[in-house]
Amino acid sequence: VERKKKEEKVEEGAGFVVEEDYEKLAEELQNASPLEIIDNALARFGNDIAIAF
């Protein structure tokens, strides 16, 4: 499986695209609690995220 890293783009807001550095994000969340990870995902993706338990 080929993984895209810095080239990935995430749509945000009113139709513009923001580049994401997933390596940096992984480092930031390495020791985060599950709650912090979910909070981060909700902040990034808002209503466009699906969460399953």
N, C-alpha and C. Protein backbone atom coordinates (compact mmCIF):
# COMPACT_ATOMS: atom_id res chain seq x y z
N VAL A 1 0.86 -1.18 0.00
CA VAL A 1 0.00 0.00 0.00
C VAL A 1 0.89 1.23 0.00
N GLU A 2 0.72 2.04 -0.99
CA GLU A 2 1.50 3.28 -1.08
C GLU A 2 0.78 4.37 -0.30
N ARG A 3 1.52 5.04 0.57
CA ARG A 3 0.92 6.06 1.41
C ARG A 3 1.38 7.44 0.96
N LYS A 4 0.46 8.33 0.80
CA LYS A 4 0.79 9.72 0.51
C LYS A 4 0.94 10.44 1.83
N LYS A 5 1.91 11.31 1.93
CA LYS A 5 2.13 12.00 3.19
C LYS A 5 1.87 13.49 3.03
N LYS A 6 2.87 14.24 2.68
CA LYS A 6 2.72 15.70 2.61
C LYS A 6 1.88 16.13 1.41
N GLU A 7 1.71 15.23 0.43
CA GLU A 7 0.95 15.58 -0.76
C GLU A 7 -0.56 15.51 -0.52
N GLU A 8 -0.97 14.79 0.54
CA GLU A 8 -2.39 14.68 0.86
C GLU A 8 -2.97 16.06 1.11
N LYS A 9 -4.17 16.24 0.71
CA LYS A 9 -4.84 17.51 0.96
C LYS A 9 -6.16 17.24 1.64
N VAL A 10 -6.52 18.12 2.54
CA VAL A 10 -7.77 18.01 3.27
C VAL A 10 -8.58 19.26 2.99
N GLU A 11 -9.81 19.07 2.52
CA GLU A 11 -10.66 20.22 2.28
C GLU A 11 -11.08 20.81 3.61
N GLU A 12 -11.11 22.12 3.66
CA GLU A 12 -11.46 22.80 4.90
C GLU A 12 -12.26 24.05 4.56
N GLY A 13 -13.25 24.32 5.36
CA GLY A 13 -13.99 25.57 5.23
C GLY A 13 -14.76 25.68 3.93
N ALA A 14 -14.73 26.85 3.35
CA ALA A 14 -15.55 27.17 2.19
C ALA A 14 -14.83 26.88 0.89
N GLY A 15 -14.47 25.63 0.66
CA GLY A 15 -13.96 25.23 -0.63
C GLY A 15 -12.47 25.40 -0.86
N PHE A 16 -11.68 25.79 0.13
CA PHE A 16 -10.25 25.86 -0.11
C PHE A 16 -9.58 24.63 0.48
N VAL A 17 -8.37 24.35 0.02
CA VAL A 17 -7.66 23.12 0.39
C VAL A 17 -6.44 23.48 1.22
N VAL A 18 -6.21 22.71 2.29
CA VAL A 18 -5.07 22.92 3.18
C VAL A 18 -4.18 21.69 3.12
N GLU A 19 -2.87 21.88 2.91
CA GLU A 19 -1.95 20.75 2.92
C GLU A 19 -1.73 20.29 4.35
N GLU A 20 -1.70 18.98 4.55
CA GLU A 20 -1.48 18.41 5.87
C GLU A 20 -0.16 17.65 5.90
N ASP A 21 0.61 17.82 6.94
CA ASP A 21 1.85 17.07 7.15
C ASP A 21 1.52 15.96 8.14
N TYR A 22 1.18 14.79 7.62
CA TYR A 22 0.73 13.69 8.47
C TYR A 22 1.84 13.12 9.34
N GLU A 23 3.08 13.23 8.92
CA GLU A 23 4.19 12.78 9.77
C GLU A 23 4.27 13.64 11.03
N LYS A 24 4.16 14.95 10.86
CA LYS A 24 4.19 15.87 12.00
C LYS A 24 2.99 15.64 12.91
N LEU A 25 1.82 15.45 12.31
CA LEU A 25 0.61 15.19 13.09
C LEU A 25 0.76 13.90 13.90
N ALA A 26 1.33 12.86 13.30
CA ALA A 26 1.53 11.59 14.01
C ALA A 26 2.46 11.79 15.20
N GLU A 27 3.51 12.59 15.03
CA GLU A 27 4.42 12.87 16.14
C GLU A 27 3.70 13.62 17.26
N GLU A 28 2.88 14.60 16.88
CA GLU A 28 2.16 15.39 17.88
C GLU A 28 1.18 14.54 18.68
N LEU A 29 0.58 13.54 18.02
CA LEU A 29 -0.44 12.73 18.68
C LEU A 29 0.09 11.41 19.22
N GLN A 30 1.39 11.20 19.11
CA GLN A 30 2.00 9.93 19.52
C GLN A 30 1.63 9.53 20.95
N ASN A 31 1.67 10.46 21.87
CA ASN A 31 1.38 10.17 23.28
C ASN A 31 0.06 10.78 23.75
N ALA A 32 -0.78 11.16 22.80
CA ALA A 32 -2.05 11.78 23.15
C ALA A 32 -3.05 10.73 23.64
N SER A 33 -3.96 11.18 24.47
CA SER A 33 -5.02 10.29 24.95
C SER A 33 -6.05 10.11 23.82
N PRO A 34 -6.88 9.07 23.90
CA PRO A 34 -7.94 8.90 22.90
C PRO A 34 -8.83 10.13 22.79
N LEU A 35 -9.14 10.76 23.92
CA LEU A 35 -9.98 11.96 23.91
C LEU A 35 -9.30 13.09 23.13
N GLU A 36 -8.00 13.28 23.32
CA GLU A 36 -7.27 14.32 22.60
C GLU A 36 -7.26 14.03 21.10
N ILE A 37 -7.14 12.77 20.73
CA ILE A 37 -7.13 12.39 19.31
C ILE A 37 -8.49 12.68 18.68
N ILE A 38 -9.57 12.30 19.37
CA ILE A 38 -10.92 12.57 18.86
C ILE A 38 -11.17 14.07 18.78
N ASP A 39 -10.76 14.82 19.79
CA ASP A 39 -10.91 16.28 19.77
C ASP A 39 -10.18 16.89 18.58
N ASN A 40 -8.98 16.40 18.29
CA ASN A 40 -8.20 16.88 17.16
C ASN A 40 -8.92 16.57 15.85
N ALA A 41 -9.43 15.36 15.71
CA ALA A 41 -10.14 14.97 14.49
C ALA A 41 -11.39 15.83 14.29
N LEU A 42 -12.15 16.05 15.35
CA LEU A 42 -13.35 16.89 15.25
C LEU A 42 -13.00 18.32 14.88
N ALA A 43 -11.91 18.84 15.44
CA ALA A 43 -11.48 20.20 15.12
C ALA A 43 -11.06 20.31 13.65
N ARG A 44 -10.43 19.27 13.12
CA ARG A 44 -9.96 19.29 11.74
C ARG A 44 -11.08 19.06 10.73
N PHE A 45 -11.99 18.14 11.03
CA PHE A 45 -12.96 17.70 10.03
C PHE A 45 -14.40 18.05 10.35
N GLY A 46 -14.69 18.53 11.55
CA GLY A 46 -16.04 18.97 11.90
C GLY A 46 -17.10 17.92 11.63
N ASN A 47 -18.16 18.33 10.95
CA ASN A 47 -19.28 17.45 10.66
C ASN A 47 -18.98 16.42 9.57
N ASP A 48 -17.82 16.50 8.94
CA ASP A 48 -17.48 15.58 7.86
C ASP A 48 -16.75 14.34 8.36
N ILE A 49 -16.81 14.06 9.64
CA ILE A 49 -16.11 12.91 10.20
C ILE A 49 -17.14 11.89 10.70
N ALA A 50 -16.79 10.63 10.55
CA ALA A 50 -17.62 9.55 11.09
C ALA A 50 -16.81 8.84 12.16
N ILE A 51 -17.43 8.58 13.29
CA ILE A 51 -16.76 7.90 14.40
C ILE A 51 -17.57 6.67 14.75
N ALA A 52 -16.91 5.52 14.81
CA ALA A 52 -17.59 4.28 15.18
C ALA A 52 -16.93 3.69 16.42
N PHE A 53 -17.72 3.11 17.27
CA PHE A 53 -17.21 2.48 18.49
C PHE A 53 -17.53 1.01 18.48
